[in-house]
Amino acid sequence: GHNCVVTDAAGQDWLACHAIDPRQPTFD
């Protein structure tokens, strides 16, 4: 979630978002 769409120099769109890695869901 918490996403953003960016377009690169070639005109390709990219979706940036963040997600939880279930192998390490919390900060130490």
PDB file of all heavy atoms in Angstrom:
ATOM      1  N   GLY A   1       0.803  -1.216   0.000  1.00  0.00           N
ATOM      2  CA  GLY A   1       0.000   0.000   0.000  1.00  0.00           C
ATOM      3  C   GLY A   1       0.833   1.261   0.000  1.00  0.00           C
ATOM      4  O   GLY A   1       2.040   1.216  -0.213  1.00  0.00           O
ATOM      5  N   HIS A   2       0.177   2.392   0.258  1.00  0.00           N
ATOM      6  CA  HIS A   2       0.825   3.716   0.230  1.00  0.00           C
ATOM      7  C   HIS A   2       1.662   3.839  -1.035  1.00  0.00           C
ATOM      8  O   HIS A   2       2.877   3.844  -0.988  1.00  0.00           O
ATOM      9  CB  HIS A   2       1.664   3.956   1.483  1.00  0.00           C
ATOM     10  CG  HIS A   2       0.842   4.118   2.698  1.00  0.00           C
ATOM     11  ND1 HIS A   2       0.583   3.071   3.551  1.00  0.00           N
ATOM     12  CD2 HIS A   2       0.205   5.195   3.199  1.00  0.00           C
ATOM     13  CE1 HIS A   2      -0.173   3.506   4.545  1.00  0.00           C
ATOM     14  NE2 HIS A   2      -0.417   4.786   4.348  1.00  0.00           N
ATOM     15  N   ASN A   3       0.987   3.947  -2.153  1.00  0.00           N
ATOM     16  CA  ASN A   3       1.630   3.847  -3.451  1.00  0.00           C
ATOM     17  C   ASN A   3       1.825   5.180  -4.151  1.00  0.00           C
ATOM     18  O   ASN A   3       1.238   6.192  -3.783  1.00  0.00           O
ATOM     19  CB  ASN A   3       0.805   2.918  -4.327  1.00  0.00           C
ATOM     20  CG  ASN A   3      -0.592   3.461  -4.503  1.00  0.00           C
ATOM     21  OD1 ASN A   3      -0.843   4.230  -5.422  1.00  0.00           O
ATOM     22  ND2 ASN A   3      -1.503   3.100  -3.626  1.00  0.00           N
ATOM     23  N   CYS A   4       2.653   5.134  -5.193  1.00  0.00           N
ATOM     24  CA  CYS A   4       2.929   6.283  -6.044  1.00  0.00           C
ATOM     25  C   CYS A   4       3.260   5.756  -7.433  1.00  0.00           C
ATOM     26  O   CYS A   4       3.952   4.745  -7.563  1.00  0.00           O
ATOM     27  CB  CYS A   4       4.114   7.057  -5.481  1.00  0.00           C
ATOM     28  SG  CYS A   4       4.646   8.434  -6.517  1.00  0.00           S
ATOM     29  N   VAL A   5       2.775   6.414  -8.465  1.00  0.00           N
ATOM     30  CA  VAL A   5       3.106   6.037  -9.834  1.00  0.00           C
ATOM     31  C   VAL A   5       4.118   7.038 -10.371  1.00  0.00           C
ATOM     32  O   VAL A   5       3.942   8.246 -10.232  1.00  0.00           O
ATOM     33  CB  VAL A   5       1.846   6.010 -10.735  1.00  0.00           C
ATOM     34  CG1 VAL A   5       2.227   5.737 -12.188  1.00  0.00           C
ATOM     35  CG2 VAL A   5       0.876   4.960 -10.228  1.00  0.00           C
ATOM     36  N   VAL A   6       5.180   6.513 -10.971  1.00  0.00           N
ATOM     37  CA  VAL A   6       6.214   7.354 -11.590  1.00  0.00           C
ATOM     38  C   VAL A   6       6.421   6.866 -13.018  1.00  0.00           C
ATOM     39  O   VAL A   6       6.243   5.685 -13.315  1.00  0.00           O
ATOM     40  CB  VAL A   6       7.544   7.320 -10.803  1.00  0.00           C
ATOM     41  CG1 VAL A   6       7.378   7.962  -9.441  1.00  0.00           C
ATOM     42  CG2 VAL A   6       8.069   5.907 -10.652  1.00  0.00           C
ATOM     43  N   THR A   7       6.792   7.797 -13.897  1.00  0.00           N
ATOM     44  CA  THR A   7       7.053   7.465 -15.291  1.00  0.00           C
ATOM     45  C   THR A   7       8.533   7.674 -15.564  1.00  0.00           C
ATOM     46  O   THR A   7       9.082   8.729 -15.249  1.00  0.00           O
ATOM     47  CB  THR A   7       6.213   8.359 -16.227  1.00  0.00           C
ATOM     48  OG1 THR A   7       4.829   8.237 -15.854  1.00  0.00           O
ATOM     49  CG2 THR A   7       6.389   7.955 -17.681  1.00  0.00           C
ATOM     50  N   ASP A   8       9.188   6.658 -16.143  1.00  0.00           N
ATOM     51  CA  ASP A   8      10.624   6.771 -16.399  1.00  0.00           C
ATOM     52  C   ASP A   8      10.879   7.512 -17.708  1.00  0.00           C
ATOM     53  O   ASP A   8       9.944   7.929 -18.407  1.00  0.00           O
ATOM     54  CB  ASP A   8      11.309   5.403 -16.330  1.00  0.00           C
ATOM     55  CG  ASP A   8      10.960   4.462 -17.477  1.00  0.00           C
ATOM     56  OD1 ASP A   8      10.373   4.896 -18.491  1.00  0.00           O
ATOM     57  OD2 ASP A   8      11.299   3.266 -17.352  1.00  0.00           O
ATOM     58  N   ALA A   9      12.157   7.678 -18.054  1.00  0.00           N
ATOM     59  CA  ALA A   9      12.547   8.445 -19.240  1.00  0.00           C
ATOM     60  C   ALA A   9      12.083   7.799 -20.543  1.00  0.00           C
ATOM     61  O   ALA A   9      11.985   8.465 -21.574  1.00  0.00           O
ATOM     62  CB  ALA A   9      14.069   8.624 -19.253  1.00  0.00           C
ATOM     63  N   ALA A  10      11.771   6.514 -20.511  1.00  0.00           N
ATOM     64  CA  ALA A  10      11.279   5.814 -21.701  1.00  0.00           C
ATOM     65  C   ALA A  10       9.760   5.859 -21.811  1.00  0.00           C
ATOM     66  O   ALA A  10       9.185   5.297 -22.733  1.00  0.00           O
ATOM     67  CB  ALA A  10      11.757   4.359 -21.684  1.00  0.00           C
ATOM     68  N   GLY A  11       9.088   6.502 -20.838  1.00  0.00           N
ATOM     69  CA  GLY A  11       7.629   6.590 -20.857  1.00  0.00           C
ATOM     70  C   GLY A  11       6.926   5.426 -20.180  1.00  0.00           C
ATOM     71  O   GLY A  11       5.704   5.338 -20.227  1.00  0.00           O
ATOM     72  N   GLN A  12       7.685   4.540 -19.545  1.00  0.00           N
ATOM     73  CA  GLN A  12       7.106   3.392 -18.840  1.00  0.00           C
ATOM     74  C   GLN A  12       6.683   3.812 -17.434  1.00  0.00           C
ATOM     75  O   GLN A  12       7.434   4.463 -16.719  1.00  0.00           O
ATOM     76  CB  GLN A  12       8.155   2.265 -18.726  1.00  0.00           C
ATOM     77  CG  GLN A  12       7.703   1.079 -17.912  1.00  0.00           C
ATOM     78  CD  GLN A  12       6.521   0.357 -18.515  1.00  0.00           C
ATOM     79  OE1 GLN A  12       6.554  -0.045 -19.662  1.00  0.00           O
ATOM     80  NE2 GLN A  12       5.462   0.193 -17.735  1.00  0.00           N
ATOM     81  N   ASP A  13       5.462   3.446 -17.054  1.00  0.00           N
ATOM     82  CA  ASP A  13       4.983   3.733 -15.702  1.00  0.00           C
ATOM     83  C   ASP A  13       5.423   2.626 -14.750  1.00  0.00           C
ATOM     84  O   ASP A  13       5.506   1.451 -15.121  1.00  0.00           O
ATOM     85  CB  ASP A  13       3.452   3.840 -15.675  1.00  0.00           C
ATOM     86  CG  ASP A  13       2.948   5.104 -16.341  1.00  0.00           C
ATOM     87  OD1 ASP A  13       3.732   6.054 -16.521  1.00  0.00           O
ATOM     88  OD2 ASP A  13       1.751   5.136 -16.683  1.00  0.00           O
ATOM     89  N   TRP A  14       5.680   3.031 -13.505  1.00  0.00           N
ATOM     90  CA  TRP A  14       6.100   2.118 -12.436  1.00  0.00           C
ATOM     91  C   TRP A  14       5.279   2.410 -11.198  1.00  0.00           C
ATOM     92  O   TRP A  14       4.998   3.565 -10.895  1.00  0.00           O
ATOM     93  CB  TRP A  14       7.585   2.313 -12.117  1.00  0.00           C
ATOM     94  CG  TRP A  14       8.469   1.981 -13.275  1.00  0.00           C
ATOM     95  CD1 TRP A  14       8.776   2.791 -14.338  1.00  0.00           C
ATOM     96  CD2 TRP A  14       9.133   0.747 -13.515  1.00  0.00           C
ATOM     97  NE1 TRP A  14       9.592   2.126 -15.214  1.00  0.00           N
ATOM     98  CE2 TRP A  14       9.833   0.878 -14.733  1.00  0.00           C
ATOM     99  CE3 TRP A  14       9.210  -0.455 -12.817  1.00  0.00           C
ATOM    100  CZ2 TRP A  14      10.595  -0.153 -15.268  1.00  0.00           C
ATOM    101  CZ3 TRP A  14       9.981  -1.476 -13.346  1.00  0.00           C
ATOM    102  CH2 TRP A  14      10.659  -1.325 -14.552  1.00  0.00           C
ATOM    103  N   LEU A  15       4.912   1.374 -10.479  1.00  0.00           N
ATOM    104  CA  LEU A  15       4.175   1.522  -9.228  1.00  0.00           C
ATOM    105  C   LEU A  15       5.133   1.272  -8.072  1.00  0.00           C
ATOM    106  O   LEU A  15       5.697   0.180  -7.948  1.00  0.00           O
ATOM    107  CB  LEU A  15       3.010   0.527  -9.167  1.00  0.00           C
ATOM    108  CG  LEU A  15       2.162   0.626  -7.906  1.00  0.00           C
ATOM    109  CD1 LEU A  15       1.280   1.874  -7.967  1.00  0.00           C
ATOM    110  CD2 LEU A  15       1.306  -0.617  -7.735  1.00  0.00           C
ATOM    111  N   ALA A  16       5.342   2.296  -7.276  1.00  0.00           N
ATOM    112  CA  ALA A  16       6.149   2.166  -6.062  1.00  0.00           C
ATOM    113  C   ALA A  16       5.189   2.085  -4.885  1.00  0.00           C
ATOM    114  O   ALA A  16       4.224   2.846  -4.808  1.00  0.00           O
ATOM    115  CB  ALA A  16       7.072   3.376  -5.905  1.00  0.00           C
ATOM    116  N   CYS A  17       5.424   1.151  -3.996  1.00  0.00           N
ATOM    117  CA  CYS A  17       4.605   1.038  -2.798  1.00  0.00           C
ATOM    118  C   CYS A  17       5.455   0.402  -1.713  1.00  0.00           C
ATOM    119  O   CYS A  17       6.603   0.033  -1.945  1.00  0.00           O
ATOM    120  CB  CYS A  17       3.342   0.212  -3.055  1.00  0.00           C
ATOM    121  SG  CYS A  17       3.614  -1.545  -3.297  1.00  0.00           S
ATOM    122  N   HIS A  18       4.895   0.291  -0.543  1.00  0.00           N
ATOM    123  CA  HIS A  18       5.627  -0.445   0.480  1.00  0.00           C
ATOM    124  C   HIS A  18       4.798  -1.633   0.908  1.00  0.00           C
ATOM    125  O   HIS A  18       3.583  -1.677   0.720  1.00  0.00           O
ATOM    126  CB  HIS A  18       6.014   0.435   1.662  1.00  0.00           C
ATOM    127  CG  HIS A  18       4.880   1.025   2.415  1.00  0.00           C
ATOM    128  ND1 HIS A  18       4.103   0.305   3.302  1.00  0.00           N
ATOM    129  CD2 HIS A  18       4.383   2.273   2.422  1.00  0.00           C
ATOM    130  CE1 HIS A  18       3.194   1.089   3.829  1.00  0.00           C
ATOM    131  NE2 HIS A  18       3.331   2.295   3.305  1.00  0.00           N
ATOM    132  N   ALA A  19       5.494  -2.641   1.421  1.00  0.00           N
ATOM    133  CA  ALA A  19       4.843  -3.874   1.846  1.00  0.00           C
ATOM    134  C   ALA A  19       5.625  -4.467   3.017  1.00  0.00           C
ATOM    135  O   ALA A  19       6.767  -4.085   3.272  1.00  0.00           O
ATOM    136  CB  ALA A  19       4.783  -4.860   0.690  1.00  0.00           C
ATOM    137  N   ILE A  20       5.008  -5.388   3.708  1.00  0.00           N
ATOM    138  CA  ILE A  20       5.626  -6.031   4.866  1.00  0.00           C
ATOM    139  C   ILE A  20       6.285  -7.340   4.415  1.00  0.00           C
ATOM    140  O   ILE A  20       5.644  -8.162   3.755  1.00  0.00           O
ATOM    141  CB  ILE A  20       4.568  -6.341   5.943  1.00  0.00           C
ATOM    142  CG1 ILE A  20       3.926  -5.036   6.431  1.00  0.00           C
ATOM    143  CG2 ILE A  20       5.179  -7.113   7.101  1.00  0.00           C
ATOM    144  CD1 ILE A  20       2.667  -5.251   7.257  1.00  0.00           C
ATOM    145  N   ASP A  21       7.544  -7.517   4.774  1.00  0.00           N
ATOM    146  CA  ASP A  21       8.248  -8.768   4.510  1.00  0.00           C
ATOM    147  C   ASP A  21       7.938  -9.710   5.673  1.00  0.00           C
ATOM    148  O   ASP A  21       8.351  -9.454   6.803  1.00  0.00           O
ATOM    149  CB  ASP A  21       9.746  -8.506   4.427  1.00  0.00           C
ATOM    150  CG  ASP A  21      10.562  -9.742   4.108  1.00  0.00           C
ATOM    151  OD1 ASP A  21      10.027 -10.868   4.211  1.00  0.00           O
ATOM    152  OD2 ASP A  21      11.742  -9.581   3.766  1.00  0.00           O
ATOM    153  N   PRO A  22       7.177 -10.791   5.448  1.00  0.00           N
ATOM    154  CA  PRO A  22       6.778 -11.665   6.561  1.00  0.00           C
ATOM    155  C   PRO A  22       7.958 -12.348   7.245  1.00  0.00           C
ATOM    156  O   PRO A  22       7.830 -12.808   8.371  1.00  0.00           O
ATOM    157  CB  PRO A  22       5.840 -12.684   5.915  1.00  0.00           C
ATOM    158  CG  PRO A  22       6.163 -12.646   4.471  1.00  0.00           C
ATOM    159  CD  PRO A  22       6.660 -11.264   4.169  1.00  0.00           C
ATOM    160  N   ARG A  23       9.134 -12.369   6.590  1.00  0.00           N
ATOM    161  CA  ARG A  23      10.311 -12.966   7.226  1.00  0.00           C
ATOM    162  C   ARG A  23      10.876 -12.057   8.313  1.00  0.00           C
ATOM    163  O   ARG A  23      11.559 -12.525   9.214  1.00  0.00           O
ATOM    164  CB  ARG A  23      11.396 -13.254   6.187  1.00  0.00           C
ATOM    165  CG  ARG A  23      10.970 -14.295   5.150  1.00  0.00           C
ATOM    166  CD  ARG A  23      11.988 -14.419   4.058  1.00  0.00           C
ATOM    167  NE  ARG A  23      12.219 -13.095   3.469  1.00  0.00           N
ATOM    168  CZ  ARG A  23      13.190 -12.825   2.620  1.00  0.00           C
ATOM    169  NH1 ARG A  23      14.019 -13.756   2.224  1.00  0.00           N
ATOM    170  NH2 ARG A  23      13.328 -11.606   2.128  1.00  0.00           N
ATOM    171  N   GLN A  24      10.615 -10.742   8.206  1.00  0.00           N
ATOM    172  CA  GLN A  24      11.043  -9.783   9.219  1.00  0.00           C
ATOM    173  C   GLN A  24      10.017  -8.650   9.265  1.00  0.00           C
ATOM    174  O   GLN A  24      10.238  -7.573   8.733  1.00  0.00           O
ATOM    175  CB  GLN A  24      12.441  -9.230   8.930  1.00  0.00           C
ATOM    176  CG  GLN A  24      12.944  -8.344  10.059  1.00  0.00           C
ATOM    177  CD  GLN A  24      14.290  -7.721   9.758  1.00  0.00           C
ATOM    178  OE1 GLN A  24      14.900  -7.965   8.734  1.00  0.00           O
ATOM    179  NE2 GLN A  24      14.758  -6.891  10.666  1.00  0.00           N
ATOM    180  N   PRO A  25       8.873  -8.882   9.916  1.00  0.00           N
ATOM    181  CA  PRO A  25       7.793  -7.896   9.898  1.00  0.00           C
ATOM    182  C   PRO A  25       7.992  -6.707  10.838  1.00  0.00           C
ATOM    183  O   PRO A  25       7.285  -5.720  10.724  1.00  0.00           O
ATOM    184  CB  PRO A  25       6.569  -8.705  10.311  1.00  0.00           C
ATOM    185  CG  PRO A  25       7.133  -9.794  11.152  1.00  0.00           C
ATOM    186  CD  PRO A  25       8.477 -10.122  10.565  1.00  0.00           C
ATOM    187  N   THR A  26       8.951  -6.790  11.753  1.00  0.00           N
ATOM    188  CA  THR A  26       9.175  -5.683  12.694  1.00  0.00           C
ATOM    189  C   THR A  26      10.633  -5.263  12.666  1.00  0.00           C
ATOM    190  O   THR A  26      11.513  -6.002  12.223  1.00  0.00           O
ATOM    191  CB  THR A  26       8.806  -6.088  14.136  1.00  0.00           C
ATOM    192  OG1 THR A  26       9.618  -7.187  14.524  1.00  0.00           O
ATOM    193  CG2 THR A  26       7.341  -6.472  14.248  1.00  0.00           C
ATOM    194  N   PHE A  27      10.885  -4.057  13.153  1.00  0.00           N
ATOM    195  CA  PHE A  27      12.249  -3.567  13.308  1.00  0.00           C
ATOM    196  C   PHE A  27      12.840  -4.149  14.583  1.00  0.00           C
ATOM    197  O   PHE A  27      12.151  -4.257  15.596  1.00  0.00           O
ATOM    198  CB  PHE A  27      12.267  -2.038  13.432  1.00  0.00           C
ATOM    199  CG  PHE A  27      11.933  -1.333  12.149  1.00  0.00           C
ATOM    200  CD1 PHE A  27      10.673  -0.819  11.936  1.00  0.00           C
ATOM    201  CD2 PHE A  27      12.895  -1.175  11.164  1.00  0.00           C
ATOM    202  CE1 PHE A  27      10.365  -0.159  10.762  1.00  0.00           C
ATOM    203  CE2 PHE A  27      12.606  -0.520   9.989  1.00  0.00           C
ATOM    204  CZ  PHE A  27      11.339  -0.002   9.786  1.00  0.00           C
ATOM    205  N   ASP A  28      14.104  -4.496  14.560  1.00  0.00           N
ATOM    206  CA  ASP A  28      14.753  -5.008  15.754  1.00  0.00           C
ATOM    207  C   ASP A  28      14.748  -3.974  16.878  1.00  0.00           C
ATOM    208  O   ASP A  28      14.679  -4.321  18.046  1.00  0.00           O
ATOM    209  CB  ASP A  28      16.194  -5.424  15.452  1.00  0.00           C
ATOM    210  CG  ASP A  28      16.259  -6.625  14.515  1.00  0.00           C
ATOM    211  OD1 ASP A  28      15.264  -7.388  14.458  1.00  0.00           O
ATOM    212  OD2 ASP A  28      17.280  -6.788  13.844  1.00  0.00           O
TER     213      ASP A  28
END
